[in-house]
Amino acid sequence: MTLPHKHLWAALATVVLLLASCTEEECIQPLFPDAPARAVPAVFSVSETRQVRFSPGNLEYAEGHWRFAPSQSSHFAAFSPTAWDHFGWSTPFTRWGMDTSMREEDYAGTFVDWGINGELHVALGSGWRTLTADEWDYLLNRREVNGRRGAGYAYNAVEIDGQYGLIVYPDNYSLQSDTVGTIPDSCVFLPGAGSRMGSNLYYQNEKWGFYWTATSMGDGQAQRLFFHESYGRTVLNLVGITRTAGLSVRLVRDI
């Protein structure tokens, strides 16, 4: 039904007023309702001079568009050619890592950050980027939380509803004893979602997590964040892996 002329102008005036009154962050809304662009609100230092906020979940491509996982612990447990969250090294030749090729030459070239993907901007807004290996190392190993560093202070290995992963605590955080088995407010959870080679997923429902960094090793490899549970303790390293591997991606925004 067509609006009466005066009602149409009133509606347009309301839209203009709303746009004029919102902040830049408030006005940037995702195109798709299942892809929230809001970051985890807490602040995390990734160097002595740079702080970031994390996306609300791991990066996904599904149903024809880019989105964030619906929760921090969510990930795909089976391979599908139309639903991806285990990405190979991101270049234009591999559709931002959505490729099952095992040929290293198909992943050659300069790294292209997932965050500069124009299609991702349409769905999730601009400003997202991938942490470097040094930033991951600073966040987890060198950053101080309440005057202490490393496991038990900057992060902890936990299980959330049966899903193993890392809780990463923000810069200013007081540990709470009543949050066992849940993701504490303002904390980041990195699910141990395993890895992919070709069309096969590995380490599903096991205590292994692999996340890409934005750091190339220049020899057909790139650096990854790697963590797993071994004999009751968490092993965490930043090491190289072939670019053909499909790993999880978690984006951040500078503040």
Protein backbone atom coordinates (compact mmCIF):
# COMPACT_ATOMS: atom_id res chain seq x y z
CA MET A 1 0.00 0.00 0.00
CA THR A 2 1.36 3.45 -0.94
CA LEU A 3 1.85 5.92 1.89
CA PRO A 4 0.01 9.23 1.66
CA HIS A 5 2.38 11.97 0.52
CA LYS A 6 2.59 13.72 3.90
CA HIS A 7 3.17 10.41 5.72
CA LEU A 8 6.04 9.52 3.35
CA TRP A 9 7.84 12.78 4.10
CA ALA A 10 7.32 12.28 7.81
CA ALA A 11 8.86 8.82 7.63
CA LEU A 12 11.86 10.12 5.69
CA ALA A 13 12.35 12.93 8.18
CA THR A 14 12.40 10.41 11.03
CA VAL A 15 15.11 8.34 9.31
CA VAL A 16 17.26 11.44 8.71
CA LEU A 17 16.85 12.48 12.35
CA LEU A 18 17.90 9.04 13.59
CA LEU A 19 20.99 8.98 11.37
CA ALA A 20 21.99 12.45 12.47
CA SER A 21 21.68 11.60 16.15
CA CYS A 22 23.57 8.27 16.26
CA THR A 23 27.30 7.89 16.66
CA GLU A 24 29.43 6.43 13.85
CA GLU A 25 29.60 3.06 15.64
CA GLU A 26 25.85 3.01 16.31
CA CYS A 27 25.04 3.83 12.67
CA ILE A 28 27.15 0.96 11.31
CA GLN A 29 24.77 -1.98 11.35
CA PRO A 30 25.35 -5.39 9.78
CA LEU A 31 23.44 -6.17 6.61
CA PHE A 32 22.44 -9.57 7.97
CA PRO A 33 20.76 -9.95 11.38
CA ASP A 34 22.61 -13.21 12.14
CA ALA A 35 25.99 -11.49 11.73
CA PRO A 36 26.38 -9.12 14.69
CA ALA A 37 29.16 -6.60 14.12
CA ARG A 38 29.40 -5.59 17.78
CA ALA A 39 32.73 -6.35 19.39
CA VAL A 40 33.30 -7.91 22.80
CA PRO A 41 33.25 -4.71 24.90
CA ALA A 42 36.40 -5.25 26.98
CA VAL A 43 39.84 -3.95 26.01
CA PHE A 44 42.82 -6.23 25.29
CA SER A 45 46.40 -5.00 24.82
CA VAL A 46 48.28 -6.59 21.90
CA SER A 47 51.41 -4.45 22.23
CA GLU A 48 52.71 -1.77 24.57
CA THR A 49 50.92 0.87 22.49
CA ARG A 50 47.96 -0.88 20.83
CA GLN A 51 44.66 -2.14 22.23
CA VAL A 52 41.85 -4.00 20.50
CA ARG A 53 38.37 -5.40 20.92
CA PHE A 54 37.53 -8.88 19.64
CA SER A 55 34.73 -9.91 17.31
CA PRO A 56 31.77 -11.66 19.02
CA GLY A 57 32.69 -15.05 17.50
CA ASN A 58 34.93 -16.78 14.99
CA LEU A 59 34.69 -15.79 11.33
CA GLU A 60 32.30 -17.79 9.14
CA TYR A 61 31.17 -17.82 5.53
CA ALA A 62 27.78 -19.48 5.13
CA GLU A 63 24.49 -19.04 3.27
CA GLY A 64 26.28 -16.86 0.75
CA HIS A 65 27.67 -14.21 3.09
CA TRP A 66 30.28 -13.45 5.73
CA ARG A 67 29.24 -13.46 9.36
CA PHE A 68 30.47 -14.08 12.89
CA ALA A 69 29.57 -17.31 14.66
CA PRO A 70 26.33 -16.97 16.65
CA SER A 71 28.21 -17.50 19.93
CA GLN A 72 31.82 -17.45 21.10
CA SER A 73 31.88 -21.24 21.47
CA SER A 74 30.25 -22.07 18.11
CA HIS A 75 32.04 -23.72 15.20
CA PHE A 76 31.21 -26.10 12.35
CA ALA A 77 31.79 -29.76 13.22
CA ALA A 78 31.60 -31.08 9.64
CA PHE A 79 32.88 -29.93 6.26
CA SER A 80 30.49 -28.34 3.79
CA PRO A 81 31.37 -26.66 0.46
CA THR A 82 28.93 -23.87 1.33
CA ALA A 83 29.74 -23.32 5.03
CA TRP A 84 33.29 -22.43 6.05
CA ASP A 85 35.01 -21.54 9.31
CA HIS A 86 38.32 -23.35 8.73
CA PHE A 87 40.08 -21.09 6.23
CA GLY A 88 43.27 -21.66 4.27
CA TRP A 89 45.81 -18.86 3.83
CA SER A 90 43.88 -15.87 2.61
CA THR A 91 44.69 -14.76 -0.95
CA PRO A 92 42.49 -13.65 -3.86
CA PHE A 93 43.33 -16.94 -5.60
CA THR A 94 41.74 -19.08 -2.87
CA ARG A 95 38.58 -17.02 -2.30
CA TRP A 96 39.80 -15.78 1.09
CA GLY A 97 40.80 -19.31 2.12
CA MET A 98 37.65 -21.08 0.93
CA ASP A 99 39.42 -23.69 -1.17
CA THR A 100 40.20 -27.38 -0.69
CA SER A 101 43.31 -27.31 -2.91
CA MET A 102 46.40 -28.93 -1.37
CA ARG A 103 48.79 -27.29 -3.85
CA GLU A 104 51.01 -24.81 -2.00
CA GLU A 105 51.45 -22.72 -5.14
CA ASP A 106 47.73 -21.97 -5.06
CA TYR A 107 48.28 -20.15 -1.75
CA ALA A 108 51.40 -18.24 -2.78
CA GLY A 109 51.61 -14.46 -2.75
CA THR A 110 51.28 -11.60 -0.31
CA PHE A 111 48.92 -12.13 2.60
CA VAL A 112 45.60 -10.39 2.25
CA ASP A 113 43.99 -9.74 5.63
CA TRP A 114 40.46 -11.14 5.92
CA GLY A 115 39.51 -7.76 7.37
CA ILE A 116 40.03 -5.86 4.10
CA ASN A 117 37.64 -8.09 2.17
CA GLY A 118 35.03 -5.79 0.62
CA GLU A 119 32.29 -8.43 0.87
CA LEU A 120 33.01 -8.77 4.58
CA HIS A 121 32.64 -4.99 4.97
CA VAL A 122 29.13 -5.15 3.51
CA ALA A 123 28.03 -7.78 6.02
CA LEU A 124 30.07 -6.87 9.12
CA GLY A 125 31.33 -3.33 8.72
CA SER A 126 34.89 -2.11 8.15
CA GLY A 127 37.74 -1.93 10.65
CA TRP A 128 38.20 -5.65 11.36
CA ARG A 129 41.68 -7.17 11.02
CA THR A 130 43.79 -10.25 11.82
CA LEU A 131 46.32 -10.20 14.67
CA THR A 132 50.00 -10.76 13.86
CA ALA A 133 51.99 -13.54 15.55
CA ASP A 134 53.76 -10.98 17.73
CA GLU A 135 50.41 -9.51 18.83
CA TRP A 136 49.08 -12.96 19.78
CA ASP A 137 52.30 -13.58 21.71
CA TYR A 138 52.01 -10.28 23.55
CA LEU A 139 48.32 -10.86 24.35
CA LEU A 140 48.83 -14.33 25.81
CA ASN A 141 52.41 -14.45 27.08
CA ARG A 142 53.78 -10.95 27.72
CA ARG A 143 50.75 -8.87 28.70
CA GLU A 144 50.12 -8.41 32.43
CA VAL A 145 46.69 -8.92 33.97
CA ASN A 146 46.64 -7.87 37.63
CA GLY A 147 50.44 -7.84 37.62
CA ARG A 148 50.90 -11.43 36.38
CA ARG A 149 51.48 -13.00 32.96
CA GLY A 150 50.66 -16.14 31.03
CA ALA A 151 48.51 -19.13 31.90
CA GLY A 152 46.13 -18.58 34.80
CA TYR A 153 46.31 -14.80 34.48
CA ALA A 154 46.13 -13.65 30.84
CA TYR A 155 44.28 -16.81 29.80
CA ASN A 156 43.00 -20.18 31.01
CA ALA A 157 42.11 -23.43 29.28
CA VAL A 158 38.48 -24.34 30.07
CA GLU A 159 35.50 -26.32 28.81
CA ILE A 160 32.26 -24.49 28.04
CA ASP A 161 29.29 -26.84 27.61
CA GLY A 162 31.71 -29.59 26.63
CA GLN A 163 33.66 -27.34 24.22
CA TYR A 164 37.38 -26.99 25.00
CA GLY A 165 39.10 -23.67 24.38
CA LEU A 166 40.91 -20.67 25.84
CA ILE A 167 39.32 -17.99 27.99
CA VAL A 168 41.30 -14.78 27.39
CA TYR A 169 40.94 -12.21 30.17
CA PRO A 170 40.82 -8.47 29.39
CA ASP A 171 43.46 -6.06 30.66
CA ASN A 172 41.51 -5.11 33.77
CA TYR A 173 39.79 -8.18 35.14
CA SER A 174 39.19 -9.77 38.52
CA LEU A 175 38.99 -13.57 38.46
CA GLN A 176 35.63 -14.86 39.67
CA SER A 177 35.10 -18.28 41.22
CA ASP A 178 31.42 -18.46 40.28
CA THR A 179 31.95 -18.50 36.50
CA VAL A 180 33.24 -22.06 36.15
CA GLY A 181 31.74 -23.63 33.02
CA THR A 182 30.62 -20.29 31.56
CA ILE A 183 32.24 -17.49 29.60
CA PRO A 184 32.71 -14.64 32.08
CA ASP A 185 31.39 -11.25 31.06
CA SER A 186 33.77 -9.27 28.80
CA CYS A 187 36.08 -12.25 28.30
CA VAL A 188 37.01 -13.77 24.94
CA PHE A 189 36.61 -17.50 24.30
CA LEU A 190 38.63 -19.18 21.54
CA PRO A 191 37.05 -22.58 20.84
CA GLY A 192 39.39 -25.45 20.05
CA ALA A 193 37.76 -26.15 16.69
CA GLY A 194 40.46 -28.39 15.22
CA SER A 195 41.76 -27.98 11.67
CA ARG A 196 41.02 -28.85 8.04
CA MET A 197 43.07 -30.42 5.26
CA GLY A 198 41.30 -30.48 1.92
CA SER A 199 37.71 -31.43 2.71
CA ASN A 200 38.52 -33.34 5.91
CA LEU A 201 38.25 -31.92 9.42
CA TYR A 202 40.62 -33.13 12.13
CA TYR A 203 40.73 -32.98 15.95
CA GLN A 204 36.99 -32.43 16.22
CA ASN A 205 35.66 -32.87 19.77
CA GLU A 206 39.26 -32.99 20.97
CA LYS A 207 41.35 -30.50 22.89
CA TRP A 208 43.12 -28.80 19.97
CA GLY A 209 42.81 -25.25 18.65
CA PHE A 210 44.50 -23.61 15.63
CA TYR A 211 44.18 -19.91 14.69
CA TRP A 212 45.77 -18.04 11.81
CA THR A 213 47.98 -15.02 12.40
CA ALA A 214 48.74 -12.31 9.84
CA THR A 215 52.43 -13.29 9.75
CA SER A 216 53.92 -15.01 6.70
CA MET A 217 57.01 -17.20 6.94
CA GLY A 218 57.78 -16.71 3.24
CA ASP A 219 58.36 -20.38 2.37
CA GLY A 220 54.88 -21.69 1.73
CA GLN A 221 54.08 -21.43 5.43
CA ALA A 222 52.55 -18.91 7.81
CA GLN A 223 52.46 -18.65 11.57
CA ARG A 224 49.56 -20.03 13.55
CA LEU A 225 48.49 -19.89 17.18
CA PHE A 226 48.31 -23.49 18.37
CA PHE A 227 47.04 -24.77 21.73
CA HIS A 228 46.07 -28.15 23.13
CA GLU A 229 45.74 -30.09 26.35
CA SER A 230 48.55 -32.51 27.18
CA TYR A 231 48.81 -34.50 30.42
CA GLY A 232 46.67 -32.01 32.31
CA ARG A 233 48.43 -28.85 31.17
CA THR A 234 47.93 -26.41 28.32
CA VAL A 235 50.56 -26.33 25.57
CA LEU A 236 50.50 -23.05 23.64
CA ASN A 237 52.84 -22.10 20.79
CA LEU A 238 53.16 -19.87 17.76
CA VAL A 239 54.64 -22.03 14.99
CA GLY A 240 54.57 -22.32 11.21
CA ILE A 241 52.24 -24.50 9.17
CA THR A 242 51.53 -25.00 5.47
CA ARG A 243 49.24 -22.35 4.03
CA THR A 244 46.98 -25.08 2.65
CA ALA A 245 45.74 -25.85 6.18
CA GLY A 246 42.27 -24.70 7.12
CA LEU A 247 42.33 -22.97 10.51
CA SER A 248 40.03 -20.79 12.63
CA VAL A 249 40.08 -17.00 12.23
CA ARG A 250 39.20 -14.48 14.96
CA LEU A 251 39.17 -10.81 14.03
CA VAL A 252 39.77 -7.69 16.11
CA ARG A 253 39.17 -3.96 15.91
CA ASP A 254 41.69 -1.34 17.00
CA ILE A 255 40.44 1.24 19.49
